[in-house]
Amino acid sequence: MEFRIKVLFIFFITSFYSYSQEGIPVYSDYLSDNYYLIHPSMAGAANCTKIRLTARKQWFGQEDAPSLQTLSMNGRIGERSGAGIILFNDKNGYHSQKGVKLTYAHHIMFSRDEIDLNQLSFGINAGLIQNQLDETKFGTTFDPLVTGQIQKDSYFNVDVGASYNYLDFYAHATVQGLLETRRDLYTDYESDNLRKYLLSAGYVFGKRENITWEPSILFQLFDKTKQKSIDLNMKAYKSMDFGSLWAALSYRRSFDGAEYRAGSGISSQKLQYFTPIIGVNFNNFMFAYTYSQVVGDVKFDTGAYHQITLGVNLFCKRERYDCNCPAIN
């Protein structure tokens, strides 16, 4: 009985950031120079067209463990507009989802010249997502709700957001899954409210020995369940002749948790994990490796997550801004 309770607890605590997230799950991808992945208002905000490819795998050695792949591209169109596209494939056991998001962003520059950064941006994503449930591996036990086939269902949704970049400071606010969308894959067990709120902010400072520091935060709130979490991040950059070396450390903690039986008593645990990231920008190319480690008394296997990010910057047209603003410069 105690083992079953722990298994159910693990399912709850891991589903908070995998199965429960419709659309692209929010991990730590954004720290690998990819704020556009979660904030549509960042499409075309930088001085280059950015292409980013990510591949994430959880629990190596476990069959049907969660995995995620994303491919994104965004860039400037004209003087005040940006556009982008995101493709993603997310799989977790029998459940998987594929999708595409198309983005338009508008940027309002308040600066008096092209060197000082003072930019307000608005963006919108229009996305089509297909959910899939593979019932072919459920076994032969008769169940009137199990067809033994691959069930599919698609839906449309919209994300909207705003960003403000002022010299070394930035802030973003995004509403994902703005529309109430009814999906039929899990019948009455699904909610049509997929709305999620994201708030993030950061500041970049210091140039001693060519090293800059970037503390930042990310707050998430699921509208339907009121689940909340916060990321506390610190990132450091070392300028080099070929580009830069950088590293980051992120700590995520949920405000919600679950209780489980421990011996003769009851204990509780909230989802929390640490994510170190290392990366290099070599001329117009970027590479990053991300490792996340879940902490707590109860976790599945090693609780480890691995991710690789590859990127390239193209068509860099504008002069760099006179600021510590790596997401823009």
C-alpha atoms as a PDB file:
ATOM      1  CA  MET A   1       0.000   0.000   0.000  1.00  0.00           C
ATOM      2  CA  GLU A   2       2.820   2.397   0.897  1.00  0.00           C
ATOM      3  CA  PHE A   3       4.513   1.651  -2.442  1.00  0.00           C
ATOM      4  CA  ARG A   4       1.300   2.420  -4.350  1.00  0.00           C
ATOM      5  CA  ILE A   5       0.873   5.718  -2.517  1.00  0.00           C
ATOM      6  CA  LYS A   6       4.430   6.736  -3.407  1.00  0.00           C
ATOM      7  CA  VAL A   7       3.863   5.800  -7.044  1.00  0.00           C
ATOM      8  CA  LEU A   8       0.730   7.942  -7.151  1.00  0.00           C
ATOM      9  CA  PHE A   9       2.628  10.769  -5.484  1.00  0.00           C
ATOM     10  CA  ILE A  10       5.411  10.579  -8.082  1.00  0.00           C
ATOM     11  CA  PHE A  11       2.807  10.641 -10.851  1.00  0.00           C
ATOM     12  CA  PHE A  12       1.265  13.790  -9.378  1.00  0.00           C
ATOM     13  CA  ILE A  13       4.502  15.632  -8.815  1.00  0.00           C
ATOM     14  CA  THR A  14       5.951  14.850 -12.278  1.00  0.00           C
ATOM     15  CA  SER A  15       2.701  15.453 -14.160  1.00  0.00           C
ATOM     16  CA  PHE A  16       2.688  19.033 -12.891  1.00  0.00           C
ATOM     17  CA  TYR A  17       5.305  19.811 -15.544  1.00  0.00           C
ATOM     18  CA  SER A  18       4.688  17.158 -18.185  1.00  0.00           C
ATOM     19  CA  TYR A  19       1.314  15.612 -18.849  1.00  0.00           C
ATOM     20  CA  SER A  20      -0.733  18.435 -17.265  1.00  0.00           C
ATOM     21  CA  GLN A  21       0.780  21.020 -19.591  1.00  0.00           C
ATOM     22  CA  GLU A  22      -1.042  21.299 -22.876  1.00  0.00           C
ATOM     23  CA  GLY A  23       1.067  22.906 -25.549  1.00  0.00           C
ATOM     24  CA  ILE A  24       4.800  23.236 -25.013  1.00  0.00           C
ATOM     25  CA  PRO A  25       5.774  22.391 -21.419  1.00  0.00           C
ATOM     26  CA  VAL A  26       7.688  25.195 -19.719  1.00  0.00           C
ATOM     27  CA  TYR A  27      11.039  23.843 -18.599  1.00  0.00           C
ATOM     28  CA  SER A  28      14.290  25.835 -18.566  1.00  0.00           C
ATOM     29  CA  ASP A  29      14.631  26.136 -22.358  1.00  0.00           C
ATOM     30  CA  TYR A  30      14.158  29.889 -22.210  1.00  0.00           C
ATOM     31  CA  LEU A  31      17.483  30.312 -20.379  1.00  0.00           C
ATOM     32  CA  SER A  32      19.309  28.999 -23.457  1.00  0.00           C
ATOM     33  CA  ASP A  33      18.776  32.303 -25.288  1.00  0.00           C
ATOM     34  CA  ASN A  34      15.235  31.289 -26.212  1.00  0.00           C
ATOM     35  CA  TYR A  35      12.712  33.571 -24.473  1.00  0.00           C
ATOM     36  CA  TYR A  36      10.681  33.519 -27.680  1.00  0.00           C
ATOM     37  CA  LEU A  37       9.729  29.904 -26.921  1.00  0.00           C
ATOM     38  CA  ILE A  38       7.487  31.062 -24.040  1.00  0.00           C
ATOM     39  CA  HIS A  39       6.904  34.752 -24.827  1.00  0.00           C
ATOM     40  CA  PRO A  40       5.498  35.531 -28.325  1.00  0.00           C
ATOM     41  CA  SER A  41       6.290  39.231 -27.873  1.00  0.00           C
ATOM     42  CA  MET A  42      10.000  38.382 -28.239  1.00  0.00           C
ATOM     43  CA  ALA A  43       9.583  37.411 -31.906  1.00  0.00           C
ATOM     44  CA  GLY A  44      11.907  39.681 -33.868  1.00  0.00           C
ATOM     45  CA  ALA A  45      13.017  41.590 -30.763  1.00  0.00           C
ATOM     46  CA  ALA A  46      16.693  40.754 -31.316  1.00  0.00           C
ATOM     47  CA  ASN A  47      18.986  42.183 -33.959  1.00  0.00           C
ATOM     48  CA  CYS A  48      19.330  38.765 -35.655  1.00  0.00           C
ATOM     49  CA  THR A  49      17.039  36.038 -36.918  1.00  0.00           C
ATOM     50  CA  LYS A  50      17.320  33.230 -34.367  1.00  0.00           C
ATOM     51  CA  ILE A  51      16.916  29.507 -35.020  1.00  0.00           C
ATOM     52  CA  ARG A  52      16.869  27.187 -32.018  1.00  0.00           C
ATOM     53  CA  LEU A  53      16.583  23.380 -31.873  1.00  0.00           C
ATOM     54  CA  THR A  54      16.097  21.618 -28.526  1.00  0.00           C
ATOM     55  CA  ALA A  55      15.890  17.958 -27.555  1.00  0.00           C
ATOM     56  CA  ARG A  56      14.945  16.953 -24.001  1.00  0.00           C
ATOM     57  CA  LYS A  57      14.848  13.491 -22.396  1.00  0.00           C
ATOM     58  CA  GLN A  58      13.812  12.458 -18.899  1.00  0.00           C
ATOM     59  CA  TRP A  59      14.829   9.325 -16.988  1.00  0.00           C
ATOM     60  CA  PHE A  60      17.311   7.667 -19.334  1.00  0.00           C
ATOM     61  CA  GLY A  61      16.848   3.900 -19.419  1.00  0.00           C
ATOM     62  CA  GLN A  62      13.105   4.080 -18.732  1.00  0.00           C
ATOM     63  CA  GLU A  63      10.760   3.022 -21.515  1.00  0.00           C
ATOM     64  CA  ASP A  64       8.283   5.677 -22.709  1.00  0.00           C
ATOM     65  CA  ALA A  65       9.874   8.335 -20.495  1.00  0.00           C
ATOM     66  CA  PRO A  66       8.845  11.946 -21.230  1.00  0.00           C
ATOM     67  CA  SER A  67      10.680  13.604 -24.112  1.00  0.00           C
ATOM     68  CA  LEU A  68      10.323  16.913 -25.931  1.00  0.00           C
ATOM     69  CA  GLN A  69      11.717  18.357 -29.155  1.00  0.00           C
ATOM     70  CA  THR A  70      11.211  21.934 -30.355  1.00  0.00           C
ATOM     71  CA  LEU A  71      12.311  23.862 -33.418  1.00  0.00           C
ATOM     72  CA  SER A  72      11.786  27.617 -33.466  1.00  0.00           C
ATOM     73  CA  MET A  73      12.706  30.506 -35.730  1.00  0.00           C
ATOM     74  CA  ASN A  74      11.945  34.198 -35.268  1.00  0.00           C
ATOM     75  CA  GLY A  75      13.179  37.414 -36.816  1.00  0.00           C
ATOM     76  CA  ARG A  76      12.456  41.007 -37.698  1.00  0.00           C
ATOM     77  CA  ILE A  77      10.136  41.985 -40.540  1.00  0.00           C
ATOM     78  CA  GLY A  78      10.552  45.617 -41.504  1.00  0.00           C
ATOM     79  CA  GLU A  79      11.294  48.251 -38.872  1.00  0.00           C
ATOM     80  CA  ARG A  80       8.623  47.512 -36.275  1.00  0.00           C
ATOM     81  CA  SER A  81       7.350  43.954 -36.802  1.00  0.00           C
ATOM     82  CA  GLY A  82       8.538  40.458 -35.994  1.00  0.00           C
ATOM     83  CA  ALA A  83       7.397  36.973 -36.969  1.00  0.00           C
ATOM     84  CA  GLY A  84       8.195  33.453 -35.924  1.00  0.00           C
ATOM     85  CA  ILE A  85       7.257  29.792 -36.036  1.00  0.00           C
ATOM     86  CA  ILE A  86       7.515  27.014 -33.451  1.00  0.00           C
ATOM     87  CA  LEU A  87       7.238  23.277 -34.140  1.00  0.00           C
ATOM     88  CA  PHE A  88       7.164  20.830 -31.244  1.00  0.00           C
ATOM     89  CA  ASN A  89       6.747  17.148 -30.427  1.00  0.00           C
ATOM     90  CA  ASP A  90       6.028  16.155 -26.819  1.00  0.00           C
ATOM     91  CA  LYS A  91       5.661  12.530 -25.660  1.00  0.00           C
ATOM     92  CA  ASN A  92       4.896  11.102 -22.240  1.00  0.00           C
ATOM     93  CA  GLY A  93       4.090   7.404 -22.073  1.00  0.00           C
ATOM     94  CA  TYR A  94       0.923   6.642 -24.019  1.00  0.00           C
ATOM     95  CA  HIS A  95       0.156  10.332 -24.462  1.00  0.00           C
ATOM     96  CA  SER A  96       1.790  12.606 -27.025  1.00  0.00           C
ATOM     97  CA  GLN A  97       1.144  15.946 -28.657  1.00  0.00           C
ATOM     98  CA  LYS A  98       2.442  17.679 -31.752  1.00  0.00           C
ATOM     99  CA  GLY A  99       1.882  21.263 -32.712  1.00  0.00           C
ATOM    100  CA  VAL A 100       2.783  24.359 -34.640  1.00  0.00           C
ATOM    101  CA  LYS A 101       2.595  27.998 -33.545  1.00  0.00           C
ATOM    102  CA  LEU A 102       2.751  31.017 -35.837  1.00  0.00           C
ATOM    103  CA  THR A 103       3.700  34.348 -34.284  1.00  0.00           C
ATOM    104  CA  TYR A 104       3.330  38.017 -35.066  1.00  0.00           C
ATOM    105  CA  ALA A 105       4.870  40.718 -32.866  1.00  0.00           C
ATOM    106  CA  HIS A 106       4.887  44.507 -32.976  1.00  0.00           C
ATOM    107  CA  HIS A 107       7.726  46.544 -31.440  1.00  0.00           C
ATOM    108  CA  ILE A 108       7.474  50.163 -30.323  1.00  0.00           C
ATOM    109  CA  MET A 109      10.804  51.924 -29.877  1.00  0.00           C
ATOM    110  CA  PHE A 110      10.890  54.866 -27.441  1.00  0.00           C
ATOM    111  CA  SER A 111      14.611  55.546 -27.817  1.00  0.00           C
ATOM    112  CA  ARG A 112      15.803  58.762 -29.458  1.00  0.00           C
ATOM    113  CA  ASP A 113      18.542  56.883 -31.315  1.00  0.00           C
ATOM    114  CA  GLU A 114      19.403  53.353 -32.465  1.00  0.00           C
ATOM    115  CA  ILE A 115      21.904  52.724 -29.659  1.00  0.00           C
ATOM    116  CA  ASP A 116      19.855  53.085 -26.471  1.00  0.00           C
ATOM    117  CA  LEU A 117      17.375  50.267 -25.921  1.00  0.00           C
ATOM    118  CA  ASN A 118      13.875  51.256 -24.802  1.00  0.00           C
ATOM    119  CA  GLN A 119      11.404  48.931 -26.487  1.00  0.00           C
ATOM    120  CA  LEU A 120       7.834  47.827 -25.760  1.00  0.00           C
ATOM    121  CA  SER A 121       6.636  44.746 -27.625  1.00  0.00           C
ATOM    122  CA  PHE A 122       3.336  42.936 -28.115  1.00  0.00           C
ATOM    123  CA  GLY A 123       2.967  39.457 -29.591  1.00  0.00           C
ATOM    124  CA  ILE A 124       0.387  36.814 -30.444  1.00  0.00           C
ATOM    125  CA  ASN A 125       0.688  33.100 -31.234  1.00  0.00           C
ATOM    126  CA  ALA A 126      -1.899  31.156 -33.199  1.00  0.00           C
ATOM    127  CA  GLY A 127      -1.362  27.452 -32.590  1.00  0.00           C
ATOM    128  CA  LEU A 128      -2.756  24.130 -33.796  1.00  0.00           C
ATOM    129  CA  ILE A 129      -2.108  21.158 -31.492  1.00  0.00           C
ATOM    130  CA  GLN A 130      -2.871  17.489 -32.025  1.00  0.00           C
ATOM    131  CA  ASN A 131      -3.190  15.219 -28.965  1.00  0.00           C
ATOM    132  CA  GLN A 132      -2.751  11.483 -29.336  1.00  0.00           C
ATOM    133  CA  LEU A 133      -3.480   8.560 -27.012  1.00  0.00           C
ATOM    134  CA  ASP A 134      -1.973   5.216 -28.015  1.00  0.00           C
ATOM    135  CA  GLU A 135      -4.307   2.509 -26.696  1.00  0.00           C
ATOM    136  CA  THR A 136      -2.667  -0.275 -28.712  1.00  0.00           C
ATOM    137  CA  LYS A 137      -0.331  -1.012 -25.782  1.00  0.00           C
ATOM    138  CA  PHE A 138      -2.998  -1.140 -23.097  1.00  0.00           C
ATOM    139  CA  GLY A 139      -3.248  -4.940 -23.197  1.00  0.00           C
ATOM    140  CA  THR A 140      -6.112  -7.320 -23.943  1.00  0.00           C
ATOM    141  CA  THR A 141      -8.233  -6.803 -20.819  1.00  0.00           C
ATOM    142  CA  PHE A 142     -11.759  -5.868 -21.877  1.00  0.00           C
ATOM    143  CA  ASP A 143     -12.769  -2.304 -21.078  1.00  0.00           C
ATOM    144  CA  PRO A 144     -15.667  -0.583 -22.877  1.00  0.00           C
ATOM    145  CA  LEU A 145     -13.768   2.734 -22.734  1.00  0.00           C
ATOM    146  CA  VAL A 146     -10.652   1.315 -24.414  1.00  0.00           C
ATOM    147  CA  THR A 147     -10.827   0.944 -28.195  1.00  0.00           C
ATOM    148  CA  GLY A 148      -7.376  -0.544 -28.658  1.00  0.00           C
ATOM    149  CA  GLN A 149      -6.611   2.044 -31.320  1.00  0.00           C
ATOM    150  CA  ILE A 150      -4.683   5.323 -31.536  1.00  0.00           C
ATOM    151  CA  GLN A 151      -7.049   8.103 -30.535  1.00  0.00           C
ATOM    152  CA  LYS A 152      -6.407  11.610 -31.935  1.00  0.00           C
ATOM    153  CA  ASP A 153      -7.927  15.012 -31.368  1.00  0.00           C
ATOM    154  CA  SER A 154      -6.834  18.489 -32.484  1.00  0.00           C
ATOM    155  CA  TYR A 155      -7.631  21.952 -31.236  1.00  0.00           C
ATOM    156  CA  PHE A 156      -6.751  25.579 -31.901  1.00  0.00           C
ATOM    157  CA  ASN A 157      -5.601  28.105 -29.326  1.00  0.00           C
ATOM    158  CA  VAL A 158      -3.953  31.489 -28.923  1.00  0.00           C
ATOM    159  CA  ASP A 159      -1.177  32.954 -26.755  1.00  0.00           C
ATOM    160  CA  VAL A 160      -0.761  36.697 -26.179  1.00  0.00           C
ATOM    161  CA  GLY A 161       1.980  38.597 -24.414  1.00  0.00           C
ATOM    162  CA  ALA A 162       3.948  41.793 -23.899  1.00  0.00           C
ATOM    163  CA  SER A 163       7.633  42.534 -23.269  1.00  0.00           C
ATOM    164  CA  TYR A 164       9.509  45.602 -22.125  1.00  0.00           C
ATOM    165  CA  ASN A 165      13.263  45.904 -22.673  1.00  0.00           C
ATOM    166  CA  TYR A 166      14.957  48.971 -21.204  1.00  0.00           C
ATOM    167  CA  LEU A 167      18.749  49.018 -21.318  1.00  0.00           C
ATOM    168  CA  ASP A 168      19.874  46.223 -18.940  1.00  0.00           C
ATOM    169  CA  PHE A 169      16.374  45.423 -17.603  1.00  0.00           C
ATOM    170  CA  TYR A 170      13.609  43.296 -19.125  1.00  0.00           C
ATOM    171  CA  ALA A 171      10.144  42.050 -18.169  1.00  0.00           C
ATOM    172  CA  HIS A 172       7.679  39.741 -19.930  1.00  0.00           C
ATOM    173  CA  ALA A 173       4.037  38.778 -19.361  1.00  0.00           C
ATOM    174  CA  THR A 174       2.231  36.080 -21.370  1.00  0.00           C
ATOM    175  CA  VAL A 175      -1.120  34.323 -21.285  1.00  0.00           C
ATOM    176  CA  GLN A 176      -0.901  30.882 -22.876  1.00  0.00           C
ATOM    177  CA  GLY A 177      -4.027  29.005 -23.974  1.00  0.00           C
ATOM    178  CA  LEU A 178      -6.176  32.141 -23.945  1.00  0.00           C
ATOM    179  CA  LEU A 179      -9.243  30.485 -25.508  1.00  0.00           C
ATOM    180  CA  GLU A 180     -11.436  27.945 -23.789  1.00  0.00           C
ATOM    181  CA  THR A 181     -11.145  24.905 -26.011  1.00  0.00           C
ATOM    182  CA  ARG A 182     -13.068  21.695 -25.569  1.00  0.00           C
ATOM    183  CA  ARG A 183     -11.128  18.547 -26.482  1.00  0.00           C
ATOM    184  CA  ASP A 184     -12.722  15.121 -26.606  1.00  0.00           C
ATOM    185  CA  LEU A 185      -9.741  12.804 -26.204  1.00  0.00           C
ATOM    186  CA  TYR A 186     -10.385  12.133 -22.507  1.00  0.00           C
ATOM    187  CA  THR A 187     -14.138  12.890 -22.584  1.00  0.00           C
ATOM    188  CA  ASP A 188     -15.532  14.282 -19.347  1.00  0.00           C
ATOM    189  CA  TYR A 189     -12.208  14.212 -17.519  1.00  0.00           C
ATOM    190  CA  GLU A 190     -10.831  17.162 -19.485  1.00  0.00           C
ATOM    191  CA  SER A 191     -11.230  20.831 -18.727  1.00  0.00           C
ATOM    192  CA  ASP A 192     -11.718  23.354 -21.505  1.00  0.00           C
ATOM    193  CA  ASN A 193      -9.684  25.907 -19.552  1.00  0.00           C
ATOM    194  CA  LEU A 194      -6.013  25.523 -20.581  1.00  0.00           C
ATOM    195  CA  ARG A 195      -5.070  29.060 -19.583  1.00  0.00           C
ATOM    196  CA  LYS A 196      -1.683  29.662 -17.982  1.00  0.00           C
ATOM    197  CA  TYR A 197      -0.022  32.907 -16.914  1.00  0.00           C
ATOM    198  CA  LEU A 198       3.727  33.531 -17.176  1.00  0.00           C
ATOM    199  CA  LEU A 199       5.556  36.497 -15.650  1.00  0.00           C
ATOM    200  CA  SER A 200       9.318  36.915 -15.915  1.00  0.00           C
ATOM    201  CA  ALA A 201      11.866  39.652 -15.292  1.00  0.00           C
ATOM    202  CA  GLY A 202      15.616  40.044 -15.134  1.00  0.00           C
ATOM    203  CA  TYR A 203      18.531  42.451 -15.001  1.00  0.00           C
ATOM    204  CA  VAL A 204      22.049  42.197 -16.455  1.00  0.00           C
ATOM    205  CA  PHE A 205      24.947  43.954 -14.734  1.00  0.00           C
ATOM    206  CA  GLY A 206      28.740  44.070 -14.380  1.00  0.00           C
ATOM    207  CA  LYS A 207      31.585  44.064 -16.875  1.00  0.00           C
ATOM    208  CA  ARG A 208      34.553  43.421 -14.613  1.00  0.00           C
ATOM    209  CA  GLU A 209      37.010  41.051 -16.352  1.00  0.00           C
ATOM    210  CA  ASN A 210      34.482  40.800 -19.188  1.00  0.00           C
ATOM    211  CA  ILE A 211      32.000  38.935 -16.959  1.00  0.00           C
ATOM    212  CA  THR A 212      28.347  39.942 -16.721  1.00  0.00           C
ATOM    213  CA  TRP A 213      25.667  38.566 -14.395  1.00  0.00           C
ATOM    214  CA  GLU A 214      21.965  38.081 -15.073  1.00  0.00           C
ATOM    215  CA  PRO A 215      19.594  37.284 -12.186  1.00  0.00           C
ATOM    216  CA  SER A 216      16.030  36.569 -13.294  1.00  0.00           C
ATOM    217  CA  ILE A 217      12.758  34.998 -12.179  1.00  0.00           C
ATOM    218  CA  LEU A 218       9.850  33.211 -13.849  1.00  0.00           C
ATOM    219  CA  PHE A 219       6.439  32.814 -12.207  1.00  0.00           C
ATOM    220  CA  GLN A 220       3.781  30.403 -13.532  1.00  0.00           C
ATOM    221  CA  LEU A 221       0.099  30.122 -12.639  1.00  0.00           C
ATOM    222  CA  PHE A 222      -2.390  27.592 -14.028  1.00  0.00           C
ATOM    223  CA  ASP A 223      -5.792  29.258 -14.136  1.00  0.00           C
ATOM    224  CA  LYS A 224      -7.961  26.146 -13.682  1.00  0.00           C
ATOM    225  CA  THR A 225      -6.078  24.394 -10.879  1.00  0.00           C
ATOM    226  CA  LYS A 226      -4.382  27.474  -9.346  1.00  0.00           C
ATOM    227  CA  GLN A 227      -1.073  25.579  -9.340  1.00  0.00           C
ATOM    228  CA  LYS A 228       1.849  27.972  -9.007  1.00  0.00           C
ATOM    229  CA  SER A 229       5.617  27.757  -9.307  1.00  0.00           C
ATOM    230  CA  ILE A 230       8.606  30.072  -9.418  1.00  0.00           C
ATOM    231  CA  ASP A 231      12.055  29.865 -11.033  1.00  0.00           C
ATOM    232  CA  LEU A 232      14.991  31.675  -9.436  1.00  0.00           C
ATOM    233  CA  ASN A 233      17.828  31.974 -11.945  1.00  0.00           C
ATOM    234  CA  MET A 234      21.379  33.269 -12.107  1.00  0.00           C
ATOM    235  CA  LYS A 235      23.320  33.390 -15.356  1.00  0.00           C
ATOM    236  CA  ALA A 236      26.911  34.508 -15.994  1.00  0.00           C
ATOM    237  CA  TYR A 237      28.595  35.438 -19.293  1.00  0.00           C
ATOM    238  CA  LYS A 238      32.315  35.566 -20.065  1.00  0.00           C
ATOM    239  CA  SER A 239      33.169  37.558 -23.204  1.00  0.00           C
ATOM    240  CA  MET A 240      35.695  35.882 -25.500  1.00  0.00           C
ATOM    241  CA  ASP A 241      37.313  36.749 -28.833  1.00  0.00           C
ATOM    242  CA  PHE A 242      35.062  34.217 -30.603  1.00  0.00           C
ATOM    243  CA  GLY A 243      31.850  35.090 -28.740  1.00  0.00           C
ATOM    244  CA  SER A 244      31.084  34.115 -25.153  1.00  0.00           C
ATOM    245  CA  LEU A 245      31.061  31.307 -22.619  1.00  0.00           C
ATOM    246  CA  TRP A 246      28.161  31.243 -20.200  1.00  0.00           C
ATOM    247  CA  ALA A 247      26.633  29.198 -17.416  1.00  0.00           C
ATOM    248  CA  ALA A 248      23.382  29.327 -15.478  1.00  0.00           C
ATOM    249  CA  LEU A 249      21.805  27.823 -12.396  1.00  0.00           C
ATOM    250  CA  SER A 250      18.033  27.659 -12.012  1.00  0.00           C
ATOM    251  CA  TYR A 251      15.981  26.578  -8.997  1.00  0.00           C
ATOM    252  CA  ARG A 252      12.306  25.743  -9.503  1.00  0.00           C
ATOM    253  CA  ARG A 253       9.856  25.267  -6.670  1.00  0.00           C
ATOM    254  CA  SER A 254       6.129  24.725  -6.780  1.00  0.00           C
ATOM    255  CA  PHE A 255       3.787  26.290  -4.257  1.00  0.00           C
ATOM    256  CA  ASP A 256       1.661  23.130  -4.348  1.00  0.00           C
ATOM    257  CA  GLY A 257       2.501  19.577  -3.359  1.00  0.00           C
ATOM    258  CA  ALA A 258       1.084  16.285  -2.179  1.00  0.00           C
ATOM    259  CA  GLU A 259       1.023  14.134   0.935  1.00  0.00           C
ATOM    260  CA  TYR A 260       2.272  10.550   1.074  1.00  0.00           C
ATOM    261  CA  ARG A 261       2.650   7.823   3.669  1.00  0.00           C
ATOM    262  CA  ALA A 262       6.140   7.499   5.136  1.00  0.00           C
ATOM    263  CA  GLY A 263       6.377   4.609   7.589  1.00  0.00           C
ATOM    264  CA  SER A 264       3.683   5.115  10.213  1.00  0.00           C
ATOM    265  CA  GLY A 265       3.259   8.812   9.494  1.00  0.00           C
ATOM    266  CA  ILE A 266       2.287  11.215   6.721  1.00  0.00           C
ATOM    267  CA  SER A 267       4.784  13.442   4.938  1.00  0.00           C
ATOM    268  CA  SER A 268       4.394  16.066   2.237  1.00  0.00           C
ATOM    269  CA  GLN A 269       6.589  17.205  -0.601  1.00  0.00           C
ATOM    270  CA  LYS A 270       6.565  19.974  -3.185  1.00  0.00           C
ATOM    271  CA  LEU A 271       8.136  19.728  -6.592  1.00  0.00           C
ATOM    272  CA  GLN A 272      11.569  21.318  -6.645  1.00  0.00           C
ATOM    273  CA  TYR A 273      14.645  20.839  -8.767  1.00  0.00           C
ATOM    274  CA  PHE A 274      17.939  22.435  -9.682  1.00  0.00           C
ATOM    275  CA  THR A 275      19.009  23.033 -13.274  1.00  0.00           C
ATOM    276  CA  PRO A 276      22.619  23.847 -14.152  1.00  0.00           C
ATOM    277  CA  ILE A 277      23.242  24.939 -17.765  1.00  0.00           C
ATOM    278  CA  ILE A 278      26.463  25.462 -19.669  1.00  0.00           C
ATOM    279  CA  GLY A 279      26.710  27.066 -23.091  1.00  0.00           C
ATOM    280  CA  VAL A 280      28.927  28.670 -25.668  1.00  0.00           C
ATOM    281  CA  ASN A 281      28.269  31.268 -28.359  1.00  0.00           C
ATOM    282  CA  PHE A 282      30.815  30.784 -31.155  1.00  0.00           C
ATOM    283  CA  ASN A 283      30.441  33.557 -33.713  1.00  0.00           C
ATOM    284  CA  ASN A 284      26.831  33.098 -34.892  1.00  0.00           C
ATOM    285  CA  PHE A 285      26.413  29.584 -33.476  1.00  0.00           C
ATOM    286  CA  MET A 286      25.178  28.537 -30.043  1.00  0.00           C
ATOM    287  CA  PHE A 287      25.352  25.272 -28.080  1.00  0.00           C
ATOM    288  CA  ALA A 288      23.982  24.528 -24.605  1.00  0.00           C
ATOM    289  CA  TYR A 289      23.623  21.510 -22.347  1.00  0.00           C
ATOM    290  CA  THR A 290      20.995  21.456 -19.606  1.00  0.00           C
ATOM    291  CA  TYR A 291      20.764  19.024 -16.689  1.00  0.00           C
ATOM    292  CA  SER A 292      17.917  19.063 -14.167  1.00  0.00           C
ATOM    293  CA  GLN A 293      17.921  17.149 -10.890  1.00  0.00           C
ATOM    294  CA  VAL A 294      14.766  16.685  -8.831  1.00  0.00           C
ATOM    295  CA  VAL A 295      15.310  16.888  -5.074  1.00  0.00           C
ATOM    296  CA  GLY A 296      13.181  15.404  -2.313  1.00  0.00           C
ATOM    297  CA  ASP A 297      12.602  12.130  -0.503  1.00  0.00           C
ATOM    298  CA  VAL A 298      10.314  10.744  -3.212  1.00  0.00           C
ATOM    299  CA  LYS A 299      11.332  10.781  -6.873  1.00  0.00           C
ATOM    300  CA  PHE A 300      11.224   8.478  -9.868  1.00  0.00           C
ATOM    301  CA  ASP A 301      14.532   6.747 -10.713  1.00  0.00           C
ATOM    302  CA  THR A 302      17.332   9.344 -10.505  1.00  0.00           C
ATOM    303  CA  GLY A 303      14.925  12.200 -11.215  1.00  0.00           C
ATOM    304  CA  ALA A 304      17.322  13.505 -13.878  1.00  0.00           C
ATOM    305  CA  TYR A 305      16.497  15.430 -17.067  1.00  0.00           C
ATOM    306  CA  HIS A 306      18.885  16.127 -19.962  1.00  0.00           C
ATOM    307  CA  GLN A 307      18.573  18.643 -22.779  1.00  0.00           C
ATOM    308  CA  ILE A 308      20.664  19.779 -25.734  1.00  0.00           C
ATOM    309  CA  THR A 309      20.110  23.126 -27.492  1.00  0.00           C
ATOM    310  CA  LEU A 310      21.607  24.069 -30.855  1.00  0.00           C
ATOM    311  CA  GLY A 311      21.210  27.527 -32.354  1.00  0.00           C
ATOM    312  CA  VAL A 312      22.309  29.838 -35.118  1.00  0.00           C
ATOM    313  CA  ASN A 313      21.856  33.582 -35.647  1.00  0.00           C
ATOM    314  CA  LEU A 314      21.295  34.785 -39.206  1.00  0.00           C
ATOM    315  CA  PHE A 315      20.768  38.075 -41.071  1.00  0.00           C
ATOM    316  CA  CYS A 316      22.118  40.312 -38.299  1.00  0.00           C
ATOM    317  CA  LYS A 317      21.314  43.786 -39.644  1.00  0.00           C
ATOM    318  CA  ARG A 318      21.189  46.394 -36.900  1.00  0.00           C
ATOM    319  CA  GLU A 319      24.005  47.804 -34.827  1.00  0.00           C
ATOM    320  CA  ARG A 320      24.200  46.383 -31.324  1.00  0.00           C
ATOM    321  CA  TYR A 321      22.546  48.368 -28.547  1.00  0.00           C
ATOM    322  CA  ASP A 322      24.759  49.976 -25.926  1.00  0.00           C
ATOM    323  CA  CYS A 323      23.571  47.780 -23.064  1.00  0.00           C
ATOM    324  CA  ASN A 324      24.010  44.471 -21.278  1.00  0.00           C
ATOM    325  CA  CYS A 325      21.088  42.829 -23.070  1.00  0.00           C
ATOM    326  CA  PRO A 326      22.101  39.402 -24.474  1.00  0.00           C
ATOM    327  CA  ALA A 327      18.548  38.442 -25.470  1.00  0.00           C
ATOM    328  CA  ILE A 328      18.403  41.501 -27.754  1.00  0.00           C
ATOM    329  CA  ASN A 329      22.033  41.853 -28.833  1.00  0.00           C
END
